[in-house]
């Protein structure tokens, strides 16, 4: 196989990975927006809830949502940094 063909294959693989990352980034952004909306809704529910047992359940849910958002934001930043690194 010639050098030109190898370079073409490499370019195709890199572009495929880049497309995959952009698609993942778009899906992750939508998911983070949904989690943020759900987080705000649960905060409102918590403020209105008087029952200690119900408050505890909502607080637990808020903690899970917060943790997952934090992980998602880190992954989002990692992917954007990776894409920016390829641009330069």
PDB file of N, CA and C in Angstrom:
ATOM      1  N   UNK A   1       0.846  -1.160   0.000  1.00  0.00           N
ATOM      2  CA  UNK A   1       0.000   0.000   0.000  1.00  0.00           C
ATOM      3  C   UNK A   1       0.898   1.232   0.000  1.00  0.00           C
ATOM      4  N   UNK A   2       0.557   2.193  -0.846  1.00  0.00           N
ATOM      5  CA  UNK A   2       1.363   3.392  -0.963  1.00  0.00           C
ATOM      6  C   UNK A   2       1.117   4.370   0.173  1.00  0.00           C
ATOM      7  N   UNK A   3       2.024   5.309   0.294  1.00  0.00           N
ATOM      8  CA  UNK A   3       1.944   6.314   1.351  1.00  0.00           C
ATOM      9  C   UNK A   3       0.667   7.137   1.227  1.00  0.00           C
ATOM     10  N   UNK A   4       0.304   7.454  -0.002  1.00  0.00           N
ATOM     11  CA  UNK A   4      -0.884   8.265  -0.225  1.00  0.00           C
ATOM     12  C   UNK A   4      -2.144   7.558   0.273  1.00  0.00           C
ATOM     13  N   UNK A   5      -2.244   6.251   0.004  1.00  0.00           N
ATOM     14  CA  UNK A   5      -3.398   5.490   0.460  1.00  0.00           C
ATOM     15  C   UNK A   5      -3.443   5.401   1.980  1.00  0.00           C
ATOM     16  N   UNK A   6      -2.281   5.227   2.595  1.00  0.00           N
ATOM     17  CA  UNK A   6      -2.225   5.163   4.052  1.00  0.00           C
ATOM     18  C   UNK A   6      -2.659   6.483   4.678  1.00  0.00           C
ATOM     19  N   UNK A   7      -2.211   7.583   4.090  1.00  0.00           N
ATOM     20  CA  UNK A   7      -2.604   8.896   4.602  1.00  0.00           C
ATOM     21  C   UNK A   7      -4.095   9.133   4.421  1.00  0.00           C
ATOM     22  N   UNK A   8      -4.656   8.678   3.307  1.00  0.00           N
ATOM     23  CA  UNK A   8      -6.099   8.801   3.084  1.00  0.00           C
ATOM     24  C   UNK A   8      -6.889   8.009   4.131  1.00  0.00           C
ATOM     25  N   UNK A   9      -6.427   6.795   4.415  1.00  0.00           N
ATOM     26  CA  UNK A   9      -7.107   5.976   5.415  1.00  0.00           C
ATOM     27  C   UNK A   9      -7.028   6.618   6.792  1.00  0.00           C
ATOM     28  N   UNK A  10      -5.866   7.160   7.116  1.00  0.00           N
ATOM     29  CA  UNK A  10      -5.691   7.830   8.405  1.00  0.00           C
ATOM     30  C   UNK A  10      -6.610   9.040   8.527  1.00  0.00           C
ATOM     31  N   UNK A  11      -6.686   9.814   7.464  1.00  0.00           N
ATOM     32  CA  UNK A  11      -7.567  10.997   7.461  1.00  0.00           C
ATOM     33  C   UNK A  11      -9.020  10.585   7.657  1.00  0.00           C
ATOM     34  N   UNK A  12      -9.432   9.521   6.970  1.00  0.00           N
ATOM     35  CA  UNK A  12     -10.806   9.038   7.115  1.00  0.00           C
ATOM     36  C   UNK A  12     -11.096   8.580   8.542  1.00  0.00           C
ATOM     37  N   UNK A  13     -10.127   7.894   9.147  1.00  0.00           N
ATOM     38  CA  UNK A  13     -10.317   7.446  10.523  1.00  0.00           C
ATOM     39  C   UNK A  13     -10.403   8.622  11.484  1.00  0.00           C
ATOM     40  N   UNK A  14      -9.550   9.597  11.311  1.00  0.00           N
ATOM     41  CA  UNK A  14      -9.559  10.767  12.183  1.00  0.00           C
ATOM     42  C   UNK A  14     -10.846  11.563  12.026  1.00  0.00           C
ATOM     43  N   UNK A  15     -11.305  11.709  10.789  1.00  0.00           N
ATOM     44  CA  UNK A  15     -12.561  12.430  10.558  1.00  0.00           C
ATOM     45  C   UNK A  15     -13.744  11.679  11.162  1.00  0.00           C
ATOM     46  N   UNK A  16     -13.708  10.351  11.092  1.00  0.00           N
ATOM     47  CA  UNK A  16     -14.788   9.557  11.670  1.00  0.00           C
ATOM     48  C   UNK A  16     -14.809   9.748  13.191  1.00  0.00           C
ATOM     49  N   UNK A  17     -13.629   9.744  13.790  1.00  0.00           N
ATOM     50  CA  UNK A  17     -13.552   9.942  15.238  1.00  0.00           C
ATOM     51  C   UNK A  17     -14.054  11.335  15.595  1.00  0.00           C
ATOM     52  N   UNK A  18     -13.700  12.312  14.795  1.00  0.00           N
ATOM     53  CA  UNK A  18     -14.115  13.696  15.027  1.00  0.00           C
ATOM     54  C   UNK A  18     -15.641  13.828  14.915  1.00  0.00           C
ATOM     55  N   UNK A  19     -16.229  13.193  13.898  1.00  0.00           N
ATOM     56  CA  UNK A  19     -17.688  13.218  13.743  1.00  0.00           C
ATOM     57  C   UNK A  19     -18.360  12.553  14.938  1.00  0.00           C
ATOM     58  N   UNK A  20     -17.778  11.438  15.369  1.00  0.00           N
ATOM     59  CA  UNK A  20     -18.315  10.719  16.521  1.00  0.00           C
ATOM     60  C   UNK A  20     -18.274  11.606  17.762  1.00  0.00           C
ATOM     61  N   UNK A  21     -17.156  12.319  17.963  1.00  0.00           N
ATOM     62  CA  UNK A  21     -17.034  13.187  19.124  1.00  0.00           C
ATOM     63  C   UNK A  21     -18.019  14.347  19.057  1.00  0.00           C
ATOM     64  N   UNK A  22     -18.217  14.923  17.881  1.00  0.00           N
ATOM     65  CA  UNK A  22     -19.167  16.030  17.746  1.00  0.00           C
ATOM     66  C   UNK A  22     -20.591  15.562  18.035  1.00  0.00           C
ATOM     67  N   UNK A  23     -20.918  14.363  17.567  1.00  0.00           N
ATOM     68  CA  UNK A  23     -22.245  13.801  17.822  1.00  0.00           C
ATOM     69  C   UNK A  23     -22.420  13.549  19.319  1.00  0.00           C
ATOM     70  N   UNK A  24     -21.388  12.982  19.943  1.00  0.00           N
ATOM     71  CA  UNK A  24     -21.436  12.719  21.377  1.00  0.00           C
ATOM     72  C   UNK A  24     -21.557  14.031  22.148  1.00  0.00           C
ATOM     73  N   UNK A  25     -20.854  15.050  21.699  1.00  0.00           N
ATOM     74  CA  UNK A  25     -20.894  16.353  22.349  1.00  0.00           C
ATOM     75  C   UNK A  25     -22.302  16.951  22.278  1.00  0.00           C
ATOM     76  N   UNK A  26     -22.929  16.839  21.128  1.00  0.00           N
ATOM     77  CA  UNK A  26     -24.285  17.358  20.942  1.00  0.00           C
ATOM     78  C   UNK A  26     -25.271  16.622  21.858  1.00  0.00           C
ATOM     79  N   UNK A  27     -25.175  15.296  21.906  1.00  0.00           N
ATOM     80  CA  UNK A  27     -26.068  14.509  22.766  1.00  0.00           C
ATOM     81  C   UNK A  27     -25.826  14.822  24.240  1.00  0.00           C
ATOM     82  N   UNK A  28     -24.570  14.991  24.594  1.00  0.00           N
ATOM     83  CA  UNK A  28     -24.221  15.303  25.971  1.00  0.00           C
ATOM     84  C   UNK A  28     -24.758  16.672  26.379  1.00  0.00           C
ATOM     85  N   UNK A  29     -24.700  17.614  25.470  1.00  0.00           N
ATOM     86  CA  UNK A  29     -25.213  18.957  25.749  1.00  0.00           C
ATOM     87  C   UNK A  29     -26.716  18.914  26.025  1.00  0.00           C
ATOM     88  N   UNK A  30     -27.454  18.167  25.207  1.00  0.00           N
ATOM     89  CA  UNK A  30     -28.898  18.035  25.406  1.00  0.00           C
ATOM     90  C   UNK A  30     -29.203  17.380  26.752  1.00  0.00           C
ATOM     91  N   UNK A  31     -28.437  16.345  27.078  1.00  0.00           N
ATOM     92  CA  UNK A  31     -28.636  15.643  28.334  1.00  0.00           C
ATOM     93  C   UNK A  31     -28.349  16.549  29.529  1.00  0.00           C
ATOM     94  N   UNK A  32     -27.280  17.339  29.439  1.00  0.00           N
ATOM     95  CA  UNK A  32     -26.940  18.248  30.531  1.00  0.00           C
ATOM     96  C   UNK A  32     -28.020  19.310  30.725  1.00  0.00           C
ATOM     97  N   UNK A  33     -28.600  19.765  29.636  1.00  0.00           N
ATOM     98  CA  UNK A  33     -29.691  20.740  29.735  1.00  0.00           C
ATOM     99  C   UNK A  33     -30.903  20.126  30.439  1.00  0.00           C
ATOM    100  N   UNK A  34     -31.214  18.876  30.107  1.00  0.00           N
ATOM    101  CA  UNK A  34     -32.338  18.196  30.746  1.00  0.00           C
ATOM    102  C   UNK A  34     -32.074  17.986  32.233  1.00  0.00           C
ATOM    103  N   UNK A  35     -30.840  17.590  32.563  1.00  0.00           N
ATOM    104  CA  UNK A  35     -30.496  17.397  33.969  1.00  0.00           C
ATOM    105  C   UNK A  35     -30.566  18.710  34.737  1.00  0.00           C
ATOM    106  N   UNK A  36     -30.140  19.786  34.109  1.00  0.00           N
ATOM    107  CA  UNK A  36     -30.204  21.090  34.761  1.00  0.00           C
ATOM    108  C   UNK A  36     -31.657  21.486  35.033  1.00  0.00           C
ATOM    109  N   UNK A  37     -32.514  21.246  34.069  1.00  0.00           N
ATOM    110  CA  UNK A  37     -33.935  21.552  34.229  1.00  0.00           C
ATOM    111  C   UNK A  37     -34.539  20.713  35.360  1.00  0.00           C
ATOM    112  N   UNK A  38     -34.198  19.432  35.380  1.00  0.00           N
ATOM    113  CA  UNK A  38     -34.716  18.545  36.415  1.00  0.00           C
ATOM    114  C   UNK A  38     -34.187  18.945  37.792  1.00  0.00           C
ATOM    115  N   UNK A  39     -32.933  19.391  37.833  1.00  0.00           N
ATOM    116  CA  UNK A  39     -32.339  19.851  39.097  1.00  0.00           C
ATOM    117  C   UNK A  39     -33.118  21.047  39.646  1.00  0.00           C
ATOM    118  N   UNK A  40     -33.437  21.997  38.786  1.00  0.00           N
ATOM    119  CA  UNK A  40     -34.193  23.179  39.205  1.00  0.00           C
ATOM    120  C   UNK A  40     -35.595  22.797  39.683  1.00  0.00           C
ATOM    121  N   UNK A  41     -36.226  21.853  38.974  1.00  0.00           N
ATOM    122  CA  UNK A  41     -37.566  21.406  39.366  1.00  0.00           C
ATOM    123  C   UNK A  41     -37.532  20.764  40.753  1.00  0.00           C
ATOM    124  N   UNK A  42     -36.521  19.946  40.996  1.00  0.00           N
ATOM    125  CA  UNK A  42     -36.425  19.279  42.289  1.00  0.00           C
ATOM    126  C   UNK A  42     -36.106  20.270  43.410  1.00  0.00           C
ATOM    127  N   UNK A  43     -35.362  21.317  43.104  1.00  0.00           N
ATOM    128  CA  UNK A  43     -35.098  22.339  44.115  1.00  0.00           C
ATOM    129  C   UNK A  43     -36.392  23.041  44.515  1.00  0.00           C
ATOM    130  N   UNK A  44     -37.250  23.297  43.541  1.00  0.00           N
ATOM    131  CA  UNK A  44     -38.547  23.911  43.837  1.00  0.00           C
ATOM    132  C   UNK A  44     -39.408  22.966  44.678  1.00  0.00           C
ATOM    133  N   UNK A  45     -39.384  21.677  44.318  1.00  0.00           N
ATOM    134  CA  UNK A  45     -40.139  20.690  45.092  1.00  0.00           C
ATOM    135  C   UNK A  45     -39.634  20.628  46.527  1.00  0.00           C
ATOM    136  N   UNK A  46     -38.335  20.685  46.691  1.00  0.00           N
ATOM    137  CA  UNK A  46     -37.740  20.629  48.021  1.00  0.00           C
ATOM    138  C   UNK A  46     -38.162  21.827  48.865  1.00  0.00           C
ATOM    139  N   UNK A  47     -38.194  22.997  48.247  1.00  0.00           N
ATOM    140  CA  UNK A  47     -38.588  24.208  48.971  1.00  0.00           C
ATOM    141  C   UNK A  47     -40.039  24.130  49.420  1.00  0.00           C
ATOM    142  N   UNK A  48     -40.882  23.466  48.643  1.00  0.00           N
ATOM    143  CA  UNK A  48     -42.309  23.388  48.963  1.00  0.00           C
ATOM    144  C   UNK A  48     -42.639  22.227  49.906  1.00  0.00           C
ATOM    145  N   UNK A  49     -41.741  21.251  49.987  1.00  0.00           N
ATOM    146  CA  UNK A  49     -42.016  20.035  50.765  1.00  0.00           C
ATOM    147  C   UNK A  49     -41.800  20.282  52.259  1.00  0.00           C
ATOM    148  N   UNK A  50     -42.762  19.868  53.071  1.00  0.00           N
ATOM    149  CA  UNK A  50     -42.668  20.036  54.525  1.00  0.00           C
ATOM    150  C   UNK A  50     -42.355  18.709  55.219  1.00  0.00           C
ATOM    151  N   UNK A  51     -42.768  17.623  54.608  1.00  0.00           N
ATOM    152  CA  UNK A  51     -42.579  16.285  55.159  1.00  0.00           C
ATOM    153  C   UNK A  51     -41.088  15.920  55.206  1.00  0.00           C
ATOM    154  N   UNK A  52     -40.529  15.604  56.383  1.00  0.00           N
ATOM    155  CA  UNK A  52     -39.088  15.304  56.475  1.00  0.00           C
ATOM    156  C   UNK A  52     -38.663  14.093  55.638  1.00  0.00           C
ATOM    157  N   UNK A  53     -39.526  13.094  55.569  1.00  0.00           N
ATOM    158  CA  UNK A  53     -39.198  11.908  54.783  1.00  0.00           C
ATOM    159  C   UNK A  53     -39.157  12.243  53.293  1.00  0.00           C
ATOM    160  N   UNK A  54     -40.122  13.021  52.844  1.00  0.00           N
ATOM    161  CA  UNK A  54     -40.172  13.436  51.444  1.00  0.00           C
ATOM    162  C   UNK A  54     -39.001  14.342  51.094  1.00  0.00           C
ATOM    163  N   UNK A  55     -38.639  15.227  52.023  1.00  0.00           N
ATOM    164  CA  UNK A  55     -37.491  16.125  51.802  1.00  0.00           C
ATOM    165  C   UNK A  55     -36.203  15.322  51.644  1.00  0.00           C
ATOM    166  N   UNK A  56     -36.066  14.290  52.485  1.00  0.00           N
ATOM    167  CA  UNK A  56     -34.857  13.463  52.440  1.00  0.00           C
ATOM    168  C   UNK A  56     -34.737  12.762  51.081  1.00  0.00           C
ATOM    169  N   UNK A  57     -35.860  12.273  50.579  1.00  0.00           N
ATOM    170  CA  UNK A  57     -35.875  11.587  49.286  1.00  0.00           C
ATOM    171  C   UNK A  57     -35.500  12.552  48.162  1.00  0.00           C
ATOM    172  N   UNK A  58     -36.069  13.760  48.208  1.00  0.00           N
ATOM    173  CA  UNK A  58     -35.764  14.761  47.189  1.00  0.00           C
ATOM    174  C   UNK A  58     -34.310  15.202  47.283  1.00  0.00           C
ATOM    175  N   UNK A  59     -33.788  15.356  48.501  1.00  0.00           N
ATOM    176  CA  UNK A  59     -32.386  15.727  48.677  1.00  0.00           C
ATOM    177  C   UNK A  59     -31.460  14.666  48.088  1.00  0.00           C
ATOM    178  N   UNK A  60     -31.819  13.408  48.282  1.00  0.00           N
ATOM    179  CA  UNK A  60     -31.021  12.303  47.730  1.00  0.00           C
ATOM    180  C   UNK A  60     -31.027  12.357  46.196  1.00  0.00           C
ATOM    181  N   UNK A  61     -32.204  12.615  45.635  1.00  0.00           N
ATOM    182  CA  UNK A  61     -32.321  12.736  44.180  1.00  0.00           C
ATOM    183  C   UNK A  61     -31.507  13.921  43.670  1.00  0.00           C
ATOM    184  N   UNK A  62     -31.554  15.031  44.376  1.00  0.00           N
ATOM    185  CA  UNK A  62     -30.778  16.211  43.990  1.00  0.00           C
ATOM    186  C   UNK A  62     -29.278  15.910  44.001  1.00  0.00           C
ATOM    187  N   UNK A  63     -28.857  15.161  44.988  1.00  0.00           N
ATOM    188  CA  UNK A  63     -27.435  14.801  45.097  1.00  0.00           C
ATOM    189  C   UNK A  63     -26.994  13.959  43.897  1.00  0.00           C
ATOM    190  N   UNK A  64     -27.831  13.013  43.506  1.00  0.00           N
ATOM    191  CA  UNK A  64     -27.521  12.156  42.361  1.00  0.00           C
ATOM    192  C   UNK A  64     -27.472  12.989  41.078  1.00  0.00           C
ATOM    193  N   UNK A  65     -28.460  13.849  40.895  1.00  0.00           N
ATOM    194  CA  UNK A  65     -28.504  14.699  39.706  1.00  0.00           C
ATOM    195  C   UNK A  65     -27.267  15.593  39.658  1.00  0.00           C
ATOM    196  N   UNK A  66     -26.907  16.182  40.786  1.00  0.00           N
ATOM    197  CA  UNK A  66     -25.736  17.064  40.843  1.00  0.00           C
ATOM    198  C   UNK A  66     -24.459  16.300  40.464  1.00  0.00           C
ATOM    199  N   UNK A  67     -24.303  15.115  41.020  1.00  0.00           N
ATOM    200  CA  UNK A  67     -23.111  14.309  40.741  1.00  0.00           C
ATOM    201  C   UNK A  67     -23.033  13.931  39.269  1.00  0.00           C
ATOM    202  N   UNK A  68     -24.149  13.523  38.695  1.00  0.00           N
ATOM    203  CA  UNK A  68     -24.161  13.132  37.288  1.00  0.00           C
ATOM    204  C   UNK A  68     -23.889  14.324  36.375  1.00  0.00           C
ATOM    205  N   UNK A  69     -24.441  15.478  36.735  1.00  0.00           N
ATOM    206  CA  UNK A  69     -24.170  16.693  35.945  1.00  0.00           C
ATOM    207  C   UNK A  69     -22.690  17.046  36.001  1.00  0.00           C
ATOM    208  N   UNK A  70     -22.113  16.913  37.175  1.00  0.00           N
ATOM    209  CA  UNK A  70     -20.696  17.220  37.356  1.00  0.00           C
ATOM    210  C   UNK A  70     -19.830  16.315  36.471  1.00  0.00           C
ATOM    211  N   UNK A  71     -20.146  15.024  36.449  1.00  0.00           N
ATOM    212  CA  UNK A  71     -19.424  14.075  35.599  1.00  0.00           C
ATOM    213  C   UNK A  71     -19.625  14.417  34.122  1.00  0.00           C
ATOM    214  N   UNK A  72     -20.853  14.760  33.761  1.00  0.00           N
ATOM    215  CA  UNK A  72     -21.162  15.104  32.369  1.00  0.00           C
ATOM    216  C   UNK A  72     -20.438  16.362  31.922  1.00  0.00           C
ATOM    217  N   UNK A  73     -20.360  17.355  32.794  1.00  0.00           N
ATOM    218  CA  UNK A  73     -19.678  18.603  32.461  1.00  0.00           C
ATOM    219  C   UNK A  73     -18.188  18.348  32.264  1.00  0.00           C
ATOM    220  N   UNK A  74     -17.614  17.481  33.109  1.00  0.00           N
ATOM    221  CA  UNK A  74     -16.196  17.150  32.962  1.00  0.00           C
ATOM    222  C   UNK A  74     -15.953  16.456  31.619  1.00  0.00           C
ATOM    223  N   UNK A  75     -16.812  15.510  31.277  1.00  0.00           N
ATOM    224  CA  UNK A  75     -16.682  14.800  30.005  1.00  0.00           C
ATOM    225  C   UNK A  75     -16.848  15.773  28.836  1.00  0.00           C
ATOM    226  N   UNK A  76     -17.804  16.686  28.942  1.00  0.00           N
ATOM    227  CA  UNK A  76     -18.037  17.685  27.904  1.00  0.00           C
ATOM    228  C   UNK A  76     -16.781  18.537  27.682  1.00  0.00           C
ATOM    229  N   UNK A  77     -16.177  18.974  28.788  1.00  0.00           N
ATOM    230  CA  UNK A  77     -14.953  19.784  28.685  1.00  0.00           C
ATOM    231  C   UNK A  77     -13.804  18.979  28.093  1.00  0.00           C
ATOM    232  N   UNK A  78     -13.691  17.720  28.482  1.00  0.00           N
ATOM    233  CA  UNK A  78     -12.628  16.871  27.940  1.00  0.00           C
ATOM    234  C   UNK A  78     -12.767  16.713  26.420  1.00  0.00           C
ATOM    235  N   UNK A  79     -13.990  16.494  25.967  1.00  0.00           N
ATOM    236  CA  UNK A  79     -14.221  16.308  24.523  1.00  0.00           C
ATOM    237  C   UNK A  79     -13.956  17.609  23.773  1.00  0.00           C
ATOM    238  N   UNK A  80     -14.422  18.733  24.316  1.00  0.00           N
ATOM    239  CA  UNK A  80     -14.185  20.015  23.621  1.00  0.00           C
ATOM    240  C   UNK A  80     -12.695  20.342  23.585  1.00  0.00           C
ATOM    241  N   UNK A  81     -11.971  20.040  24.669  1.00  0.00           N
ATOM    242  CA  UNK A  81     -10.526  20.263  24.662  1.00  0.00           C
ATOM    243  C   UNK A  81      -9.840  19.373  23.627  1.00  0.00           C
ATOM    244  N   UNK A  82     -10.299  18.146  23.509  1.00  0.00           N
ATOM    245  CA  UNK A  82      -9.739  17.221  22.526  1.00  0.00           C
ATOM    246  C   UNK A  82      -9.996  17.723  21.111  1.00  0.00           C
ATOM    247  N   UNK A  83     -11.218  18.212  20.866  1.00  0.00           N
ATOM    248  CA  UNK A  83     -11.539  18.737  19.532  1.00  0.00           C
ATOM    249  C   UNK A  83     -10.738  19.993  19.218  1.00  0.00           C
ATOM    250  N   UNK A  84     -10.563  20.853  20.211  1.00  0.00           N
ATOM    251  CA  UNK A  84      -9.786  22.075  20.002  1.00  0.00           C
ATOM    252  C   UNK A  84      -8.330  21.737  19.746  1.00  0.00           C
ATOM    253  N   UNK A  85      -7.829  20.745  20.425  1.00  0.00           N
ATOM    254  CA  UNK A  85      -6.446  20.308  20.231  1.00  0.00           C
ATOM    255  C   UNK A  85      -6.204  19.800  18.812  1.00  0.00           C
ATOM    256  N   UNK A  86      -7.219  19.199  18.220  1.00  0.00           N
ATOM    257  CA  UNK A  86      -7.086  18.707  16.839  1.00  0.00           C
ATOM    258  C   UNK A  86      -7.159  19.828  15.834  1.00  0.00           C
ATOM    259  N   UNK A  87      -7.855  20.917  16.199  1.00  0.00           N
ATOM    260  CA  UNK A  87      -7.969  22.054  15.286  1.00  0.00           C
ATOM    261  C   UNK A  87      -6.663  22.809  15.152  1.00  0.00           C
ATOM    262  N   UNK A  88      -5.882  22.827  16.224  1.00  0.00           N
ATOM    263  CA  UNK A  88      -4.662  23.632  16.212  1.00  0.00           C
ATOM    264  C   UNK A  88      -3.505  22.883  15.621  1.00  0.00           C
TER     265      UNK A  88
END
